Amino acid sequence: MSIEKIQVGNALDVNKRGTTSVPAAAANGLVYTYGITAIDPQKGGVIAGDIETQTRRVLDNLQMALQAAGSSLSQAVYTTVYLRDIRGDYAGFNKAYDDYFGSNPIPRTVVQAVIRSPDARVQIQIVALQGAGKGGQ
């Protein structure tokens, strides 16, 4: 089995931020992402905004990482979601998340967690099929 390490070519590439990871890896027809936050892909740093704004940025960032791996959000099979304040942010998170997955729900786990960046309110990891959904959402 070979593992393909995926770089996106922007601020999502964590080696540009001083950590030792890659945004995504592909193996055996699946793509796995790291926990992506609401990073501005061009400037770096977490964007300001409420939970809905940050969730949309995270999902757009995930789409970029998946596209770099030959996949897309439409090929997602599972997400793990980390919220800084699950009680205060769950409804707003869910509203934004449903804009992306509402018509095609997939299994997910949502937990409250300490997120490394103090400005990040949400972090999402995703597992997706590689190949058939390239380019689309």
C-alpha atoms as a PDB file:
ATOM      1  CA  MET A   1       0.000   0.000   0.000  1.00  0.00           C
ATOM      2  CA  SER A   2       1.346   3.416  -0.895  1.00  0.00           C
ATOM      3  CA  ILE A   3       0.388   6.648   0.836  1.00  0.00           C
ATOM      4  CA  GLU A   4       0.242   9.826  -1.231  1.00  0.00           C
ATOM      5  CA  LYS A   5       0.911  12.964   0.801  1.00  0.00           C
ATOM      6  CA  ILE A   6      -1.074  15.922  -0.507  1.00  0.00           C
ATOM      7  CA  GLN A   7      -0.029  19.587  -0.466  1.00  0.00           C
ATOM      8  CA  VAL A   8      -2.523  22.296  -1.425  1.00  0.00           C
ATOM      9  CA  GLY A   9      -0.101  25.056  -2.426  1.00  0.00           C
ATOM     10  CA  ASN A  10      -1.309  27.777  -0.071  1.00  0.00           C
ATOM     11  CA  ALA A  11      -1.451  28.583   3.651  1.00  0.00           C
ATOM     12  CA  LEU A  12      -3.188  25.253   4.344  1.00  0.00           C
ATOM     13  CA  ASP A  13       0.180  23.541   3.855  1.00  0.00           C
ATOM     14  CA  VAL A  14       1.152  23.257   7.502  1.00  0.00           C
ATOM     15  CA  ASN A  15       4.877  23.055   6.833  1.00  0.00           C
ATOM     16  CA  LYS A  16       4.527  26.765   6.037  1.00  0.00           C
ATOM     17  CA  ARG A  17       3.214  27.239   9.588  1.00  0.00           C
ATOM     18  CA  GLY A  18       5.985  25.358  11.354  1.00  0.00           C
ATOM     19  CA  THR A  19       4.323  22.018  12.056  1.00  0.00           C
ATOM     20  CA  THR A  20       5.066  18.601  10.644  1.00  0.00           C
ATOM     21  CA  SER A  21       1.961  17.433   8.836  1.00  0.00           C
ATOM     22  CA  VAL A  22       0.296  17.631   5.440  1.00  0.00           C
ATOM     23  CA  PRO A  23      -3.265  18.819   4.732  1.00  0.00           C
ATOM     24  CA  ALA A  24      -4.305  15.456   3.322  1.00  0.00           C
ATOM     25  CA  ALA A  25      -3.136  11.964   2.509  1.00  0.00           C
ATOM     26  CA  ALA A  26      -4.604   9.402   0.139  1.00  0.00           C
ATOM     27  CA  ALA A  27      -4.417   5.619   0.404  1.00  0.00           C
ATOM     28  CA  ASN A  28      -6.507   2.726  -0.892  1.00  0.00           C
ATOM     29  CA  GLY A  29      -9.024   4.989  -2.623  1.00  0.00           C
ATOM     30  CA  LEU A  30      -9.668   7.202   0.410  1.00  0.00           C
ATOM     31  CA  VAL A  31      -8.550  10.730   1.275  1.00  0.00           C
ATOM     32  CA  TYR A  32      -7.966  11.744   4.895  1.00  0.00           C
ATOM     33  CA  THR A  33      -7.524  15.363   5.938  1.00  0.00           C
ATOM     34  CA  TYR A  34      -5.992  16.825   9.039  1.00  0.00           C
ATOM     35  CA  GLY A  35      -8.201  18.909  11.319  1.00  0.00           C
ATOM     36  CA  ILE A  36      -8.686  22.055   9.260  1.00  0.00           C
ATOM     37  CA  THR A  37      -9.689  25.365  10.835  1.00  0.00           C
ATOM     38  CA  ALA A  38     -10.913  28.641   9.316  1.00  0.00           C
ATOM     39  CA  ILE A  39      -7.486  29.604   7.950  1.00  0.00           C
ATOM     40  CA  ASP A  40      -7.370  32.296   5.300  1.00  0.00           C
ATOM     41  CA  PRO A  41      -5.788  30.228   2.498  1.00  0.00           C
ATOM     42  CA  GLN A  42      -3.899  33.182   1.014  1.00  0.00           C
ATOM     43  CA  LYS A  43      -2.838  35.194   4.066  1.00  0.00           C
ATOM     44  CA  GLY A  44      -2.701  32.511   6.750  1.00  0.00           C
ATOM     45  CA  GLY A  45      -4.178  32.984  10.188  1.00  0.00           C
ATOM     46  CA  VAL A  46      -7.692  32.160  11.311  1.00  0.00           C
ATOM     47  CA  ILE A  47     -10.360  34.481   9.906  1.00  0.00           C
ATOM     48  CA  ALA A  48     -12.487  36.529  12.260  1.00  0.00           C
ATOM     49  CA  GLY A  49     -16.174  35.768  12.355  1.00  0.00           C
ATOM     50  CA  ASP A  50     -19.025  33.959  13.991  1.00  0.00           C
ATOM     51  CA  ILE A  51     -19.400  30.179  13.956  1.00  0.00           C
ATOM     52  CA  GLU A  52     -21.308  30.173  10.653  1.00  0.00           C
ATOM     53  CA  THR A  53     -18.619  32.234   8.907  1.00  0.00           C
ATOM     54  CA  GLN A  54     -15.833  30.068  10.301  1.00  0.00           C
ATOM     55  CA  THR A  55     -17.657  26.823   9.448  1.00  0.00           C
ATOM     56  CA  ARG A  56     -18.100  27.908   5.834  1.00  0.00           C
ATOM     57  CA  ARG A  57     -14.399  28.838   5.595  1.00  0.00           C
ATOM     58  CA  VAL A  58     -13.430  25.450   7.059  1.00  0.00           C
ATOM     59  CA  LEU A  59     -15.619  23.585   4.566  1.00  0.00           C
ATOM     60  CA  ASP A  60     -14.259  25.654   1.663  1.00  0.00           C
ATOM     61  CA  ASN A  61     -10.732  24.852   2.894  1.00  0.00           C
ATOM     62  CA  LEU A  62     -11.621  21.162   3.058  1.00  0.00           C
ATOM     63  CA  GLN A  63     -12.897  21.362  -0.515  1.00  0.00           C
ATOM     64  CA  MET A  64      -9.501  22.782  -1.596  1.00  0.00           C
ATOM     65  CA  ALA A  65      -7.618  19.997   0.196  1.00  0.00           C
ATOM     66  CA  LEU A  66      -9.889  17.330  -1.275  1.00  0.00           C
ATOM     67  CA  GLN A  67      -9.582  18.759  -4.792  1.00  0.00           C
ATOM     68  CA  ALA A  68      -5.792  18.665  -4.479  1.00  0.00           C
ATOM     69  CA  ALA A  69      -6.186  14.950  -3.730  1.00  0.00           C
ATOM     70  CA  GLY A  70      -8.581  14.281  -6.623  1.00  0.00           C
ATOM     71  CA  SER A  71     -11.756  14.306  -4.557  1.00  0.00           C
ATOM     72  CA  SER A  72     -14.440  16.721  -3.356  1.00  0.00           C
ATOM     73  CA  LEU A  73     -16.946  17.323  -0.583  1.00  0.00           C
ATOM     74  CA  SER A  74     -19.515  15.388  -2.635  1.00  0.00           C
ATOM     75  CA  GLN A  75     -17.330  12.301  -2.098  1.00  0.00           C
ATOM     76  CA  ALA A  76     -17.173  12.711   1.690  1.00  0.00           C
ATOM     77  CA  VAL A  77     -18.051   9.642   3.741  1.00  0.00           C
ATOM     78  CA  TYR A  78     -17.386  10.834   7.316  1.00  0.00           C
ATOM     79  CA  THR A  79     -16.500  13.952   9.293  1.00  0.00           C
ATOM     80  CA  THR A  80     -15.212  14.567  12.789  1.00  0.00           C
ATOM     81  CA  VAL A  81     -16.086  18.036  14.072  1.00  0.00           C
ATOM     82  CA  TYR A  82     -14.475  19.801  17.014  1.00  0.00           C
ATOM     83  CA  LEU A  83     -16.297  22.825  18.461  1.00  0.00           C
ATOM     84  CA  ARG A  84     -14.749  25.123  21.058  1.00  0.00           C
ATOM     85  CA  ASP A  85     -18.208  25.828  22.586  1.00  0.00           C
ATOM     86  CA  ILE A  86     -20.638  23.069  21.640  1.00  0.00           C
ATOM     87  CA  ARG A  87     -23.567  24.572  23.556  1.00  0.00           C
ATOM     88  CA  GLY A  88     -23.142  28.079  22.204  1.00  0.00           C
ATOM     89  CA  ASP A  89     -22.068  27.228  18.655  1.00  0.00           C
ATOM     90  CA  TYR A  90     -23.858  23.995  17.697  1.00  0.00           C
ATOM     91  CA  ALA A  91     -26.933  25.612  16.108  1.00  0.00           C
ATOM     92  CA  GLY A  92     -24.913  28.087  14.027  1.00  0.00           C
ATOM     93  CA  PHE A  93     -22.419  25.396  13.044  1.00  0.00           C
ATOM     94  CA  ASN A  94     -25.251  23.075  11.989  1.00  0.00           C
ATOM     95  CA  LYS A  95     -26.873  25.783   9.849  1.00  0.00           C
ATOM     96  CA  ALA A  96     -23.665  26.381   7.873  1.00  0.00           C
ATOM     97  CA  TYR A  97     -22.803  22.648   7.717  1.00  0.00           C
ATOM     98  CA  ASP A  98     -26.251  21.865   6.294  1.00  0.00           C
ATOM     99  CA  ASP A  99     -25.611  24.320   3.446  1.00  0.00           C
ATOM    100  CA  TYR A 100     -22.900  21.880   2.317  1.00  0.00           C
ATOM    101  CA  PHE A 101     -24.255  18.483   3.387  1.00  0.00           C
ATOM    102  CA  GLY A 102     -27.990  19.005   4.041  1.00  0.00           C
ATOM    103  CA  SER A 103     -29.147  17.312   0.838  1.00  0.00           C
ATOM    104  CA  ASN A 104     -26.553  14.535   1.134  1.00  0.00           C
ATOM    105  CA  PRO A 105     -26.036  13.845   4.857  1.00  0.00           C
ATOM    106  CA  ILE A 106     -23.104  11.700   5.953  1.00  0.00           C
ATOM    107  CA  PRO A 107     -22.131  10.254   9.337  1.00  0.00           C
ATOM    108  CA  ARG A 108     -20.383  12.687  11.638  1.00  0.00           C
ATOM    109  CA  THR A 109     -19.171  13.011  15.188  1.00  0.00           C
ATOM    110  CA  VAL A 110     -19.322  16.413  16.914  1.00  0.00           C
ATOM    111  CA  VAL A 111     -17.430  16.981  20.161  1.00  0.00           C
ATOM    112  CA  GLN A 112     -16.347  19.916  22.277  1.00  0.00           C
ATOM    113  CA  ALA A 113     -12.584  20.362  22.279  1.00  0.00           C
ATOM    114  CA  VAL A 114      -9.727  22.701  22.978  1.00  0.00           C
ATOM    115  CA  ILE A 115      -8.564  23.907  19.563  1.00  0.00           C
ATOM    116  CA  ARG A 116      -4.901  24.883  19.192  1.00  0.00           C
ATOM    117  CA  SER A 117      -5.547  28.285  17.624  1.00  0.00           C
ATOM    118  CA  PRO A 118      -7.233  30.583  20.166  1.00  0.00           C
ATOM    119  CA  ASP A 119      -9.241  32.304  17.387  1.00  0.00           C
ATOM    120  CA  ALA A 120     -10.648  29.089  15.897  1.00  0.00           C
ATOM    121  CA  ARG A 121     -14.151  28.086  16.939  1.00  0.00           C
ATOM    122  CA  VAL A 122     -14.422  24.971  14.740  1.00  0.00           C
ATOM    123  CA  GLN A 123     -12.075  22.342  13.326  1.00  0.00           C
ATOM    124  CA  ILE A 124     -13.140  19.554  10.955  1.00  0.00           C
ATOM    125  CA  GLN A 125     -11.464  16.378   9.688  1.00  0.00           C
ATOM    126  CA  ILE A 126     -12.914  14.536   6.727  1.00  0.00           C
ATOM    127  CA  VAL A 127     -12.623  11.157   5.035  1.00  0.00           C
ATOM    128  CA  ALA A 128     -13.656  11.032   1.372  1.00  0.00           C
ATOM    129  CA  LEU A 129     -13.521   8.736  -1.616  1.00  0.00           C
ATOM    130  CA  GLN A 130     -10.756   9.567  -4.050  1.00  0.00           C
ATOM    131  CA  GLY A 131     -11.435   9.908  -7.752  1.00  0.00           C
ATOM    132  CA  ALA A 132     -15.025  10.011  -8.945  1.00  0.00           C
ATOM    133  CA  GLY A 133     -16.034  13.359  -7.443  1.00  0.00           C
ATOM    134  CA  LYS A 134     -13.056  15.392  -8.617  1.00  0.00           C
ATOM    135  CA  GLY A 135     -13.806  19.071  -8.881  1.00  0.00           C
ATOM    136  CA  GLY A 136     -17.409  19.182  -7.661  1.00  0.00           C
ATOM    137  CA  GLN A 137     -19.034  19.886  -4.368  1.00  0.00           C
END
